[in-house]
Amino acid sequence: MFNFQNFDEVFPEDPDCCYDANLCQAITSNKKKMQGLFIEKVMKDIGIKRPPKLYPPKDNDTLRNLHKEVIKSNSPEQHKISILYYVLLHLDAPTGRTDQSTNFARSTFMPEMYQITMNGFWHMDQMEFENAIEYLTHPSLIPTYCEDILEILARNSKDDHRLALAYYHTVKPALTNKSSTECLFVAIAGVSVTEAFHFSRAQAPNTHRHTFEMLISLAIHNSPAETVADRSVELVNLPMSAEEEEWFEEYLLHGDGTRLKKAKDTVLFRRMATGKFTESLAVKPSNSRSISGLDWSSLARGVESGLGPRMNV
């Protein structure tokens, strides 16, 4: 009968096996980029102290010690089996087959949901995110480390937020920390200013204002050059409440937003977009250069002329 507690039965192909130097270097590089590996989280959760000392196993002694620590941990057998299965996935990878991991899963009667979960974590640690979410959004799974997964997907997506949003909308995790909420918000705002605005409104009061101010910065300062104009127009035309209107002007005229390029311009355009023409004259734009013969001074005179007697109302 197969005994996973016996090292030589788990690693029958080569009793002196370990991870080669290139693999260890790649794992360490990914760990730095992601600020930690999912296999380390799993190891910590089953009570293994200082996982970085054991993983990745650079030599056979380290691999044997890893196996020993897993076996002696005070955790359910399926959790121990899951970690050993993950280790075998790396040993299978160079061959392009899954012989060792598949045989191990079959011999230990490893439930499919554990295999799916560990494959998802393995692909996350490989930074193969598309493959990872195919596993981690499987309907049979109980979501685990959701906020960590979401943050890594968002932070490593550059300008493509599809994976982070696909994971969020499929799993629908409850977000409990500020960091994961902000990462999700950046992803939403990257796709739609309006959707991010409504997401912001659904947050607690303090978070509402914080994310609303984030949205202003993301729209006018962090948008790609080819979309910044459209996103800025979308921003100044949002259906803001009176309170949000105050936050908007406070942030751009007196708060941290004053450091943003085009901060005053954005306030000016918002006032004009909402019909506050008299108030708009009080804002001097950051750049008054002439464009096609038109500058702010001439535009302001036109607004004053159009308002006529209403200027003094």
Protein backbone atom coordinates (compact mmCIF):
# COMPACT_ATOMS: atom_id res chain seq x y z
CA MET A 1 0.00 0.00 0.00
CA PHE A 2 1.33 3.43 -0.93
CA ASN A 3 2.74 5.37 2.03
CA PHE A 4 3.19 9.10 1.40
CA GLN A 5 5.03 9.36 4.71
CA ASN A 6 7.92 7.45 3.12
CA PHE A 7 10.17 9.84 1.16
CA ASP A 8 11.35 7.15 -1.27
CA GLU A 9 7.78 6.27 -2.21
CA VAL A 10 6.86 9.90 -2.90
CA PHE A 11 9.99 10.47 -4.99
CA PRO A 12 10.64 7.04 -6.55
CA GLU A 13 12.16 8.34 -9.79
CA ASP A 14 15.27 9.65 -8.08
CA PRO A 15 15.88 9.24 -4.33
CA ASP A 16 18.53 11.98 -4.56
CA CYS A 17 16.32 14.45 -6.40
CA CYS A 18 16.01 18.18 -5.77
CA TYR A 19 15.19 21.30 -7.79
CA ASP A 20 17.91 22.39 -10.21
CA ALA A 21 19.61 25.78 -9.92
CA ASN A 22 17.66 27.39 -12.79
CA LEU A 23 14.33 26.37 -11.29
CA CYS A 24 15.32 27.66 -7.85
CA GLN A 25 16.40 30.96 -9.38
CA ALA A 26 13.09 31.32 -11.25
CA ILE A 27 11.09 30.53 -8.11
CA THR A 28 13.07 33.07 -6.09
CA SER A 29 12.60 35.71 -8.79
CA ASN A 30 8.83 35.18 -8.87
CA LYS A 31 8.71 35.29 -5.09
CA LYS A 32 10.30 38.76 -5.09
CA LYS A 33 7.95 40.03 -7.78
CA MET A 34 4.85 38.77 -5.98
CA GLN A 35 6.14 39.44 -2.45
CA GLY A 36 5.64 35.82 -1.45
CA LEU A 37 4.52 32.48 -2.85
CA PHE A 38 1.22 30.71 -2.35
CA ILE A 39 2.95 27.46 -1.45
CA GLU A 40 4.56 29.32 1.45
CA LYS A 41 1.13 30.49 2.63
CA VAL A 42 -0.14 26.90 2.56
CA MET A 43 2.92 25.66 4.42
CA LYS A 44 2.49 28.32 7.12
CA ASP A 45 -1.18 27.44 7.49
CA ILE A 46 -0.37 23.80 8.28
CA GLY A 47 2.12 24.89 10.93
CA ILE A 48 5.47 24.73 9.12
CA LYS A 49 7.81 27.37 10.50
CA ARG A 50 10.02 29.42 8.18
CA PRO A 51 8.97 27.93 4.80
CA PRO A 52 11.67 29.96 2.94
CA LYS A 53 14.26 27.75 4.66
CA LEU A 54 12.71 24.69 3.02
CA TYR A 55 11.39 26.01 -0.27
CA PRO A 56 12.58 25.85 -2.95
CA PRO A 57 14.57 22.66 -2.12
CA LYS A 58 17.99 23.45 -3.57
CA ASP A 59 19.46 20.08 -2.58
CA ASN A 60 18.31 16.62 -1.60
CA ASP A 61 18.75 17.22 2.13
CA THR A 62 16.46 20.27 1.95
CA LEU A 63 13.84 18.27 0.04
CA ARG A 64 13.99 15.51 2.65
CA ASN A 65 13.64 18.06 5.43
CA LEU A 66 10.67 19.61 3.63
CA HIS A 67 9.02 16.20 3.37
CA LYS A 68 9.78 15.54 7.07
CA GLU A 69 8.28 18.87 8.19
CA VAL A 70 5.17 18.30 6.12
CA ILE A 71 4.65 14.80 7.53
CA LYS A 72 5.13 15.78 11.17
CA SER A 73 2.90 18.84 10.95
CA ASN A 74 -0.32 18.78 12.94
CA SER A 75 -2.66 19.08 9.94
CA PRO A 76 -5.11 16.90 8.02
CA GLU A 77 -3.60 14.32 5.68
CA GLN A 78 -5.09 15.94 2.59
CA HIS A 79 -3.26 19.17 3.37
CA LYS A 80 0.03 17.33 3.68
CA ILE A 81 -0.65 15.45 0.46
CA SER A 82 -1.50 18.74 -1.29
CA ILE A 83 1.90 20.25 -0.53
CA LEU A 84 3.76 17.15 -1.72
CA TYR A 85 1.62 17.14 -4.87
CA TYR A 86 2.64 20.77 -5.51
CA VAL A 87 6.32 19.84 -5.12
CA LEU A 88 5.90 17.06 -7.68
CA LEU A 89 4.32 19.45 -10.19
CA HIS A 90 7.69 21.21 -10.45
CA LEU A 91 9.52 17.94 -10.94
CA ASP A 92 7.09 17.03 -13.73
CA ALA A 93 7.32 20.39 -15.50
CA PRO A 94 10.61 19.84 -17.43
CA THR A 95 9.25 16.63 -19.00
CA GLY A 96 6.04 18.25 -20.24
CA ARG A 97 4.14 15.39 -18.60
CA THR A 98 2.44 14.96 -15.25
CA ASP A 99 3.45 11.38 -14.51
CA GLN A 100 4.78 11.82 -10.98
CA SER A 101 2.11 14.20 -9.73
CA THR A 102 -0.73 12.25 -11.38
CA ASN A 103 0.47 8.91 -10.01
CA PHE A 104 0.89 10.46 -6.57
CA ALA A 105 -2.63 11.93 -6.63
CA ARG A 106 -4.05 8.58 -7.71
CA SER A 107 -2.08 6.60 -5.12
CA THR A 108 -3.13 8.89 -2.25
CA PHE A 109 -6.76 9.21 -3.41
CA MET A 110 -6.28 12.97 -3.48
CA PRO A 111 -9.68 14.66 -4.01
CA GLU A 112 -10.04 16.52 -7.30
CA MET A 113 -10.81 19.84 -5.62
CA TYR A 114 -7.43 19.74 -3.87
CA GLN A 115 -5.70 18.99 -7.16
CA ILE A 116 -7.49 21.91 -8.83
CA THR A 117 -6.57 24.26 -5.98
CA MET A 118 -2.91 23.31 -5.92
CA ASN A 119 -2.64 23.58 -9.71
CA GLY A 120 -4.08 27.07 -9.41
CA PHE A 121 -1.56 28.05 -6.74
CA TRP A 122 1.25 26.47 -8.74
CA HIS A 123 0.39 28.52 -11.83
CA MET A 124 0.06 31.67 -9.69
CA ASP A 125 3.55 31.06 -8.31
CA GLN A 126 4.76 30.56 -11.88
CA MET A 127 3.11 33.90 -12.74
CA GLU A 128 1.06 32.07 -15.37
CA PHE A 129 -2.04 34.01 -14.43
CA GLU A 130 -4.43 33.03 -17.21
CA ASN A 131 -3.86 29.35 -16.45
CA ALA A 132 -4.15 30.06 -12.73
CA ILE A 133 -7.60 31.61 -12.82
CA GLU A 134 -8.92 28.76 -14.97
CA TYR A 135 -8.30 26.59 -11.93
CA LEU A 136 -9.02 29.10 -9.16
CA THR A 137 -12.44 30.12 -10.50
CA HIS A 138 -13.59 26.49 -10.74
CA PRO A 139 -17.11 26.24 -9.25
CA SER A 140 -16.20 23.28 -7.03
CA LEU A 141 -13.68 25.29 -4.99
CA ILE A 142 -14.10 27.06 -1.70
CA PRO A 143 -12.30 30.36 -2.41
CA THR A 144 -8.99 30.65 -0.54
CA TYR A 145 -6.53 33.57 -0.32
CA CYS A 146 -8.93 35.55 -2.50
CA GLU A 147 -7.61 38.98 -1.60
CA ASP A 148 -4.01 37.91 -2.16
CA ILE A 149 -4.91 36.47 -5.56
CA LEU A 150 -6.79 39.61 -6.54
CA GLU A 151 -3.94 41.91 -5.50
CA ILE A 152 -1.34 39.93 -7.44
CA LEU A 153 -3.50 39.81 -10.56
CA ALA A 154 -4.14 43.56 -10.37
CA ARG A 155 -0.55 44.56 -9.62
CA ASN A 156 0.96 42.43 -12.36
CA SER A 157 -1.55 43.26 -15.09
CA LYS A 158 0.06 46.53 -16.29
CA ASP A 159 -2.76 48.16 -18.27
CA ASP A 160 -4.73 44.95 -18.86
CA HIS A 161 -7.17 44.48 -15.99
CA ARG A 162 -9.24 41.68 -17.49
CA LEU A 163 -7.87 38.86 -15.35
CA ALA A 164 -8.31 40.69 -12.04
CA LEU A 165 -11.87 41.66 -12.93
CA ALA A 166 -12.69 38.20 -14.30
CA TYR A 167 -11.51 36.66 -11.03
CA TYR A 168 -13.42 39.18 -8.90
CA HIS A 169 -16.70 38.92 -10.79
CA THR A 170 -16.53 35.11 -10.88
CA VAL A 171 -15.54 34.43 -7.27
CA LYS A 172 -17.18 37.53 -5.74
CA PRO A 173 -14.91 37.59 -2.66
CA ALA A 174 -15.66 39.76 0.35
CA LEU A 175 -12.89 42.34 0.56
CA THR A 176 -11.77 43.11 4.11
CA ASN A 177 -8.52 45.02 3.72
CA LYS A 178 -7.69 48.41 2.23
CA SER A 179 -4.96 47.10 -0.06
CA SER A 180 -7.13 44.61 -1.95
CA THR A 181 -9.99 47.13 -2.23
CA GLU A 182 -7.63 49.68 -3.76
CA CYS A 183 -6.16 47.13 -6.19
CA LEU A 184 -9.64 46.16 -7.35
CA PHE A 185 -10.65 49.81 -7.63
CA VAL A 186 -7.65 50.62 -9.84
CA ALA A 187 -8.59 47.69 -12.09
CA ILE A 188 -12.22 48.84 -12.35
CA ALA A 189 -11.20 52.45 -12.98
CA GLY A 190 -8.83 51.30 -15.70
CA VAL A 191 -11.79 49.92 -17.60
CA SER A 192 -14.56 52.41 -16.78
CA VAL A 193 -14.56 55.73 -14.92
CA THR A 194 -18.32 55.51 -14.46
CA GLU A 195 -18.26 51.96 -13.09
CA ALA A 196 -15.50 52.92 -10.65
CA PHE A 197 -17.58 55.93 -9.55
CA HIS A 198 -20.52 53.71 -8.64
CA PHE A 199 -18.21 51.18 -6.95
CA SER A 200 -16.82 54.04 -4.85
CA ARG A 201 -20.32 55.04 -3.78
CA ALA A 202 -20.97 51.52 -2.48
CA GLN A 203 -18.10 51.76 0.02
CA ALA A 204 -18.13 52.90 3.63
CA PRO A 205 -18.02 56.73 4.05
CA ASN A 206 -14.26 57.04 4.62
CA THR A 207 -13.47 54.59 1.83
CA HIS A 208 -15.97 56.35 -0.41
CA ARG A 209 -14.11 59.64 -0.26
CA HIS A 210 -10.69 57.99 -0.55
CA THR A 211 -11.62 55.98 -3.65
CA PHE A 212 -13.43 58.95 -5.17
CA GLU A 213 -10.23 61.00 -4.92
CA MET A 214 -8.26 58.05 -6.31
CA LEU A 215 -10.60 58.03 -9.29
CA ILE A 216 -9.92 61.69 -10.05
CA SER A 217 -6.18 61.05 -10.05
CA LEU A 218 -6.47 57.85 -12.09
CA ALA A 219 -8.64 59.53 -14.72
CA ILE A 220 -6.67 62.72 -15.34
CA HIS A 221 -3.16 61.65 -14.36
CA ASN A 222 -2.76 57.90 -14.86
CA SER A 223 -4.76 57.33 -18.03
CA PRO A 224 -2.98 56.32 -21.25
CA ALA A 225 -2.31 59.28 -23.54
CA GLU A 226 -4.76 58.02 -26.14
CA THR A 227 -7.67 57.79 -23.66
CA VAL A 228 -6.99 60.57 -21.13
CA ALA A 229 -9.19 63.11 -22.94
CA ASP A 230 -12.21 60.81 -23.14
CA ARG A 231 -11.75 59.64 -19.55
CA SER A 232 -11.44 63.21 -18.30
CA VAL A 233 -14.66 64.16 -20.08
CA GLU A 234 -16.34 61.11 -18.52
CA LEU A 235 -15.06 62.24 -15.11
CA VAL A 236 -16.34 65.83 -15.28
CA ASN A 237 -19.74 64.64 -16.44
CA LEU A 238 -20.34 62.19 -13.58
CA PRO A 239 -23.62 62.65 -11.65
CA MET A 240 -21.93 63.80 -8.44
CA SER A 241 -23.86 64.54 -5.27
CA ALA A 242 -23.40 67.88 -3.53
CA GLU A 243 -20.99 66.23 -1.10
CA GLU A 244 -18.98 64.63 -3.91
CA GLU A 245 -18.89 67.99 -5.67
CA GLU A 246 -17.27 69.48 -2.56
CA TRP A 247 -14.75 66.65 -2.36
CA PHE A 248 -13.95 67.12 -6.05
CA GLU A 249 -13.08 70.79 -5.73
CA GLU A 250 -11.41 70.44 -2.33
CA TYR A 251 -9.13 67.70 -3.66
CA LEU A 252 -8.13 69.53 -6.84
CA LEU A 253 -7.92 73.09 -5.52
CA HIS A 254 -6.65 72.60 -1.96
CA GLY A 255 -5.78 68.95 -1.34
CA ASP A 256 -3.31 66.41 -2.70
CA GLY A 257 -4.81 66.82 -6.16
CA THR A 258 -3.23 70.26 -6.53
CA ARG A 259 -0.04 68.44 -7.51
CA LEU A 260 -1.75 66.91 -10.51
CA LYS A 261 -1.23 68.43 -13.91
CA LYS A 262 -4.47 69.94 -15.22
CA ALA A 263 -6.04 70.02 -11.73
CA LYS A 264 -7.47 73.54 -12.19
CA ASP A 265 -8.48 72.76 -15.76
CA THR A 266 -10.52 69.81 -14.52
CA VAL A 267 -12.37 71.99 -11.99
CA LEU A 268 -12.97 74.57 -14.72
CA PHE A 269 -14.43 71.99 -17.10
CA ARG A 270 -16.60 70.51 -14.35
CA ARG A 271 -18.06 73.91 -13.53
CA MET A 272 -18.77 74.62 -17.16
CA ALA A 273 -20.22 71.14 -17.71
CA THR A 274 -22.65 71.69 -14.83
CA GLY A 275 -23.67 75.17 -15.99
CA LYS A 276 -21.74 77.09 -13.33
CA PHE A 277 -20.43 79.62 -15.82
CA THR A 278 -19.98 82.49 -13.38
CA GLU A 279 -18.02 80.25 -10.97
CA SER A 280 -15.91 78.97 -13.85
CA LEU A 281 -14.58 82.49 -14.48
CA ALA A 282 -12.97 82.42 -11.03
CA VAL A 283 -10.69 79.56 -12.06
CA LYS A 284 -7.61 80.38 -14.06
CA PRO A 285 -6.46 77.42 -16.14
CA SER A 286 -2.95 76.03 -15.72
CA ASN A 287 -2.05 76.77 -19.33
CA SER A 288 -3.47 79.79 -21.13
CA ARG A 289 -1.65 79.33 -24.44
CA SER A 290 -3.58 80.02 -27.61
CA ILE A 291 -5.02 77.15 -29.61
CA SER A 292 -6.22 78.00 -33.14
CA GLY A 293 -6.38 81.65 -32.10
CA LEU A 294 -8.44 80.93 -29.00
CA ASP A 295 -7.10 81.31 -25.45
CA TRP A 296 -8.70 81.45 -22.00
CA SER A 297 -8.91 85.23 -21.91
CA SER A 298 -10.94 85.38 -25.11
CA LEU A 299 -13.05 82.42 -24.02
CA ALA A 300 -13.72 84.10 -20.66
CA ARG A 301 -14.80 87.30 -22.41
CA GLY A 302 -17.19 85.24 -24.49
CA VAL A 303 -18.65 83.62 -21.37
CA GLU A 304 -19.03 87.04 -19.70
CA SER A 305 -20.74 88.43 -22.77
CA GLY A 306 -23.08 85.47 -22.93
CA LEU A 307 -24.02 85.80 -19.26
CA GLY A 308 -24.70 89.54 -19.58
CA PRO A 309 -26.65 90.90 -16.59
CA ARG A 310 -26.60 87.45 -14.99
CA MET A 311 -22.96 88.04 -14.09
CA ASN A 312 -24.08 90.09 -11.10
CA VAL A 313 -26.92 87.84 -10.01
